[in-house]
Amino acid sequence: MADFYFEREVRTPYSEAYTIREQERNVGRVDIHFADSLVHVAIAVDESLTQESIQEIIDSIDEDLLDAVGITREGFVVHVFQGRETGVYSDDEGFGSNIDEA
């Protein structure tokens, strides 16, 4: 069983974004959007993760992140994307350059 944890990147009144970490390694990102009584979640994870690990991340999001917010929800919809990160871009550095390379 892996030990995943979440580092918050941003929070708004209706959404949150986290980096998913395993030990000292980034393994994904989660974006949570609160819409009335429905919660939409988009998860992008590293291509090396197993389906068991992905389910563990989903369970952790439900138990650790959503329960902590304290909202009453009628639905929880999760979209999972699996692959590899090709870069992180910012207008601070110019969209033509990857800030990981800067």
N, C-alpha and C. Protein backbone atom coordinates (compact mmCIF):
# COMPACT_ATOMS: atom_id res chain seq x y z
N MET A 1 0.85 -1.19 0.00
CA MET A 1 0.00 0.00 0.00
C MET A 1 0.89 1.24 0.00
N ALA A 2 0.72 2.07 -0.99
CA ALA A 2 1.52 3.29 -1.12
C ALA A 2 1.03 4.36 -0.15
N ASP A 3 1.89 5.28 0.16
CA ASP A 3 1.52 6.40 1.02
C ASP A 3 1.44 7.67 0.18
N PHE A 4 0.25 7.96 -0.29
CA PHE A 4 0.04 9.16 -1.08
C PHE A 4 -0.37 10.30 -0.15
N TYR A 5 0.07 11.51 -0.51
CA TYR A 5 -0.40 12.68 0.21
C TYR A 5 -0.57 13.81 -0.79
N PHE A 6 -1.25 14.85 -0.35
CA PHE A 6 -1.65 15.94 -1.25
C PHE A 6 -1.08 17.26 -0.77
N GLU A 7 -0.52 18.03 -1.70
CA GLU A 7 -0.04 19.38 -1.41
C GLU A 7 -0.93 20.36 -2.17
N ARG A 8 -1.64 21.20 -1.43
CA ARG A 8 -2.55 22.14 -2.07
C ARG A 8 -1.77 23.16 -2.90
N GLU A 9 -2.23 23.38 -4.11
CA GLU A 9 -1.67 24.39 -5.00
C GLU A 9 -2.50 25.67 -4.98
N VAL A 10 -3.83 25.48 -5.00
CA VAL A 10 -4.72 26.64 -5.06
C VAL A 10 -6.09 26.25 -4.50
N ARG A 11 -6.75 27.27 -3.95
CA ARG A 11 -8.11 27.07 -3.43
C ARG A 11 -8.94 28.28 -3.79
N THR A 12 -10.14 28.05 -4.31
CA THR A 12 -11.10 29.10 -4.59
C THR A 12 -12.38 28.74 -3.83
N PRO A 13 -13.38 29.59 -3.86
CA PRO A 13 -14.63 29.23 -3.16
C PRO A 13 -15.29 27.96 -3.72
N TYR A 14 -15.00 27.60 -4.98
CA TYR A 14 -15.68 26.47 -5.61
C TYR A 14 -14.75 25.39 -6.14
N SER A 15 -13.46 25.49 -5.85
CA SER A 15 -12.55 24.48 -6.37
C SER A 15 -11.26 24.44 -5.57
N GLU A 16 -10.54 23.35 -5.75
CA GLU A 16 -9.22 23.19 -5.15
C GLU A 16 -8.36 22.40 -6.13
N ALA A 17 -7.05 22.60 -6.06
CA ALA A 17 -6.11 21.84 -6.88
C ALA A 17 -4.96 21.39 -6.00
N TYR A 18 -4.55 20.14 -6.18
CA TYR A 18 -3.49 19.55 -5.38
C TYR A 18 -2.50 18.81 -6.26
N THR A 19 -1.25 18.78 -5.84
CA THR A 19 -0.26 17.86 -6.39
C THR A 19 -0.36 16.59 -5.58
N ILE A 20 -0.34 15.46 -6.26
CA ILE A 20 -0.36 14.16 -5.58
C ILE A 20 1.09 13.70 -5.46
N ARG A 21 1.49 13.39 -4.23
CA ARG A 21 2.88 13.00 -3.96
C ARG A 21 2.92 11.60 -3.36
N GLU A 22 3.95 10.88 -3.72
CA GLU A 22 4.27 9.59 -3.11
C GLU A 22 5.73 9.67 -2.71
N GLN A 23 5.98 9.64 -1.42
CA GLN A 23 7.31 9.88 -0.87
C GLN A 23 7.78 11.25 -1.35
N GLU A 24 8.85 11.35 -2.07
CA GLU A 24 9.36 12.64 -2.54
C GLU A 24 9.09 12.88 -4.03
N ARG A 25 8.18 12.12 -4.60
CA ARG A 25 7.95 12.16 -6.04
C ARG A 25 6.53 12.62 -6.36
N ASN A 26 6.43 13.54 -7.33
CA ASN A 26 5.11 13.93 -7.84
C ASN A 26 4.58 12.79 -8.70
N VAL A 27 3.36 12.33 -8.41
CA VAL A 27 2.77 11.25 -9.19
C VAL A 27 1.46 11.65 -9.84
N GLY A 28 1.06 12.91 -9.64
CA GLY A 28 -0.17 13.34 -10.28
C GLY A 28 -0.68 14.66 -9.78
N ARG A 29 -1.89 14.97 -10.24
CA ARG A 29 -2.55 16.22 -9.89
C ARG A 29 -4.04 15.93 -9.79
N VAL A 30 -4.68 16.60 -8.85
CA VAL A 30 -6.13 16.47 -8.70
C VAL A 30 -6.76 17.85 -8.68
N ASP A 31 -7.83 18.00 -9.44
CA ASP A 31 -8.63 19.22 -9.47
C ASP A 31 -10.03 18.86 -8.99
N ILE A 32 -10.50 19.56 -7.97
CA ILE A 32 -11.80 19.30 -7.38
C ILE A 32 -12.68 20.52 -7.61
N HIS A 33 -13.90 20.29 -8.11
CA HIS A 33 -14.83 21.38 -8.38
C HIS A 33 -16.15 21.08 -7.67
N PHE A 34 -16.60 22.04 -6.88
CA PHE A 34 -17.83 21.91 -6.11
C PHE A 34 -18.96 22.61 -6.85
N ALA A 35 -19.98 21.87 -7.22
CA ALA A 35 -21.13 22.43 -7.94
C ALA A 35 -22.40 21.98 -7.24
N ASP A 36 -22.98 22.87 -6.44
CA ASP A 36 -24.17 22.55 -5.65
C ASP A 36 -23.90 21.29 -4.82
N SER A 37 -24.65 20.23 -5.04
CA SER A 37 -24.47 19.02 -4.25
C SER A 37 -23.67 17.95 -4.99
N LEU A 38 -23.06 18.32 -6.10
CA LEU A 38 -22.27 17.40 -6.90
C LEU A 38 -20.81 17.84 -6.89
N VAL A 39 -19.91 16.88 -6.70
CA VAL A 39 -18.48 17.17 -6.70
C VAL A 39 -17.87 16.50 -7.93
N HIS A 40 -17.18 17.30 -8.75
CA HIS A 40 -16.49 16.78 -9.93
C HIS A 40 -14.99 16.77 -9.63
N VAL A 41 -14.34 15.66 -9.93
CA VAL A 41 -12.91 15.52 -9.68
C VAL A 41 -12.22 15.06 -10.95
N ALA A 42 -11.13 15.71 -11.30
CA ALA A 42 -10.29 15.28 -12.42
C ALA A 42 -8.92 14.93 -11.84
N ILE A 43 -8.49 13.71 -12.12
CA ILE A 43 -7.20 13.24 -11.63
C ILE A 43 -6.33 12.89 -12.82
N ALA A 44 -5.12 13.41 -12.83
CA ALA A 44 -4.13 13.03 -13.84
C ALA A 44 -2.99 12.37 -13.07
N VAL A 45 -2.71 11.11 -13.40
CA VAL A 45 -1.69 10.36 -12.66
C VAL A 45 -0.61 9.83 -13.59
N ASP A 46 0.54 9.57 -12.99
CA ASP A 46 1.69 9.03 -13.71
C ASP A 46 1.33 7.68 -14.33
N GLU A 47 1.91 7.42 -15.48
CA GLU A 47 1.62 6.18 -16.19
C GLU A 47 2.09 4.93 -15.45
N SER A 48 2.95 5.09 -14.46
CA SER A 48 3.48 3.94 -13.72
C SER A 48 2.54 3.44 -12.62
N LEU A 49 1.50 4.19 -12.30
CA LEU A 49 0.60 3.78 -11.21
C LEU A 49 -0.33 2.66 -11.65
N THR A 50 -0.60 1.75 -10.71
CA THR A 50 -1.52 0.64 -10.96
C THR A 50 -2.95 1.08 -10.70
N GLN A 51 -3.90 0.27 -11.15
CA GLN A 51 -5.31 0.56 -10.88
C GLN A 51 -5.59 0.54 -9.38
N GLU A 52 -4.90 -0.31 -8.65
CA GLU A 52 -5.04 -0.35 -7.20
C GLU A 52 -4.59 0.97 -6.57
N SER A 53 -3.47 1.51 -7.05
CA SER A 53 -2.97 2.79 -6.55
C SER A 53 -3.92 3.92 -6.89
N ILE A 54 -4.47 3.89 -8.08
CA ILE A 54 -5.43 4.92 -8.49
C ILE A 54 -6.66 4.87 -7.60
N GLN A 55 -7.15 3.67 -7.30
CA GLN A 55 -8.30 3.54 -6.41
C GLN A 55 -7.96 4.06 -5.01
N GLU A 56 -6.74 3.81 -4.55
CA GLU A 56 -6.31 4.32 -3.25
C GLU A 56 -6.32 5.86 -3.25
N ILE A 57 -5.88 6.47 -4.34
CA ILE A 57 -5.90 7.93 -4.45
C ILE A 57 -7.34 8.44 -4.41
N ILE A 58 -8.24 7.79 -5.15
CA ILE A 58 -9.65 8.20 -5.16
C ILE A 58 -10.23 8.09 -3.76
N ASP A 59 -9.95 6.99 -3.08
CA ASP A 59 -10.46 6.82 -1.71
C ASP A 59 -9.90 7.89 -0.78
N SER A 60 -8.62 8.22 -0.93
CA SER A 60 -8.01 9.26 -0.09
C SER A 60 -8.62 10.62 -0.36
N ILE A 61 -8.89 10.92 -1.62
CA ILE A 61 -9.54 12.19 -1.96
C ILE A 61 -10.90 12.25 -1.27
N ASP A 62 -11.66 11.18 -1.38
CA ASP A 62 -12.99 11.15 -0.78
C ASP A 62 -12.93 11.30 0.74
N GLU A 63 -12.04 10.55 1.39
CA GLU A 63 -11.97 10.53 2.84
C GLU A 63 -11.22 11.73 3.43
N ASP A 64 -10.11 12.11 2.82
CA ASP A 64 -9.24 13.14 3.40
C ASP A 64 -9.54 14.55 2.92
N LEU A 65 -9.84 14.71 1.65
CA LEU A 65 -10.03 16.06 1.10
C LEU A 65 -11.50 16.48 1.11
N LEU A 66 -12.39 15.63 0.66
CA LEU A 66 -13.80 16.03 0.57
C LEU A 66 -14.48 16.04 1.93
N ASP A 67 -14.21 15.05 2.75
CA ASP A 67 -14.81 15.05 4.09
C ASP A 67 -14.33 16.24 4.91
N ALA A 68 -13.08 16.67 4.69
CA ALA A 68 -12.53 17.81 5.43
C ALA A 68 -13.24 19.11 5.10
N VAL A 69 -13.77 19.21 3.87
CA VAL A 69 -14.47 20.42 3.46
C VAL A 69 -15.81 20.53 4.18
N GLY A 70 -16.40 19.39 4.50
CA GLY A 70 -17.64 19.37 5.26
C GLY A 70 -18.88 19.71 4.47
N ILE A 71 -18.86 19.44 3.16
CA ILE A 71 -20.07 19.71 2.37
C ILE A 71 -20.94 18.45 2.31
N THR A 72 -22.24 18.67 2.17
CA THR A 72 -23.15 17.57 1.94
C THR A 72 -23.26 17.39 0.44
N ARG A 73 -22.99 16.20 -0.01
CA ARG A 73 -23.00 15.99 -1.45
C ARG A 73 -23.90 14.81 -1.81
N GLU A 74 -24.49 14.91 -2.97
CA GLU A 74 -25.32 13.82 -3.47
C GLU A 74 -24.56 12.98 -4.48
N GLY A 75 -23.51 13.54 -5.06
CA GLY A 75 -22.77 12.81 -6.08
C GLY A 75 -21.30 13.14 -6.07
N PHE A 76 -20.51 12.19 -6.54
CA PHE A 76 -19.06 12.31 -6.58
C PHE A 76 -18.64 11.69 -7.90
N VAL A 77 -18.22 12.52 -8.86
CA VAL A 77 -17.86 12.07 -10.20
C VAL A 77 -16.36 12.26 -10.37
N VAL A 78 -15.67 11.18 -10.76
CA VAL A 78 -14.21 11.23 -10.90
C VAL A 78 -13.83 10.86 -12.33
N HIS A 79 -13.01 11.70 -12.95
CA HIS A 79 -12.42 11.41 -14.26
C HIS A 79 -10.93 11.18 -14.03
N VAL A 80 -10.41 10.06 -14.52
CA VAL A 80 -9.01 9.72 -14.33
C VAL A 80 -8.32 9.72 -15.69
N PHE A 81 -7.19 10.42 -15.74
CA PHE A 81 -6.34 10.45 -16.92
C PHE A 81 -4.99 9.91 -16.51
N GLN A 82 -4.43 9.02 -17.32
CA GLN A 82 -3.14 8.42 -16.95
C GLN A 82 -2.17 8.59 -18.10
N GLY A 83 -0.97 9.07 -17.75
CA GLY A 83 0.06 9.29 -18.77
C GLY A 83 1.30 9.85 -18.13
N ARG A 84 1.99 10.67 -18.86
CA ARG A 84 3.20 11.29 -18.31
C ARG A 84 3.12 12.79 -18.50
N GLU A 85 3.72 13.50 -17.57
CA GLU A 85 3.73 14.96 -17.65
C GLU A 85 4.79 15.37 -18.66
N THR A 86 4.42 16.28 -19.54
CA THR A 86 5.38 16.75 -20.54
C THR A 86 5.92 18.13 -20.22
N GLY A 87 5.35 18.78 -19.21
CA GLY A 87 5.87 20.07 -18.82
C GLY A 87 4.85 20.88 -18.05
N VAL A 88 5.34 21.92 -17.40
CA VAL A 88 4.49 22.88 -16.71
C VAL A 88 4.86 24.24 -17.26
N TYR A 89 3.86 24.97 -17.74
CA TYR A 89 4.11 26.24 -18.39
C TYR A 89 3.45 27.37 -17.63
N SER A 90 4.05 28.53 -17.66
CA SER A 90 3.51 29.69 -16.97
C SER A 90 3.77 30.93 -17.81
N ASP A 91 2.86 31.91 -17.73
CA ASP A 91 3.10 33.14 -18.47
C ASP A 91 4.21 33.96 -17.84
N ASP A 92 4.60 33.63 -16.59
CA ASP A 92 5.75 34.31 -15.98
C ASP A 92 7.03 34.04 -16.75
N GLU A 93 7.12 32.84 -17.28
CA GLU A 93 8.32 32.43 -18.01
C GLU A 93 8.10 32.51 -19.51
N GLY A 94 6.90 32.74 -19.94
CA GLY A 94 6.57 32.71 -21.36
C GLY A 94 6.08 31.32 -21.70
N PHE A 95 4.99 31.25 -22.41
CA PHE A 95 4.41 29.96 -22.71
C PHE A 95 5.26 29.15 -23.67
N GLY A 96 6.24 29.74 -24.27
CA GLY A 96 7.12 29.00 -25.16
C GLY A 96 8.17 28.19 -24.42
N SER A 97 8.30 28.39 -23.10
CA SER A 97 9.34 27.65 -22.39
C SER A 97 8.74 26.93 -21.18
N ASN A 98 9.23 25.75 -20.97
CA ASN A 98 8.81 24.91 -19.84
C ASN A 98 9.49 25.42 -18.61
N ILE A 99 8.73 25.74 -17.54
CA ILE A 99 9.37 26.31 -16.34
C ILE A 99 10.23 25.28 -15.61
N ASP A 100 10.02 23.98 -15.88
CA ASP A 100 10.88 22.97 -15.29
C ASP A 100 12.28 23.02 -15.88
N GLU A 101 12.39 23.54 -17.09
CA GLU A 101 13.70 23.62 -17.75
C GLU A 101 14.41 24.93 -17.43
N ALA A 102 13.66 25.92 -16.94
CA ALA A 102 14.22 27.25 -16.70
C ALA A 102 15.23 27.26 -15.57
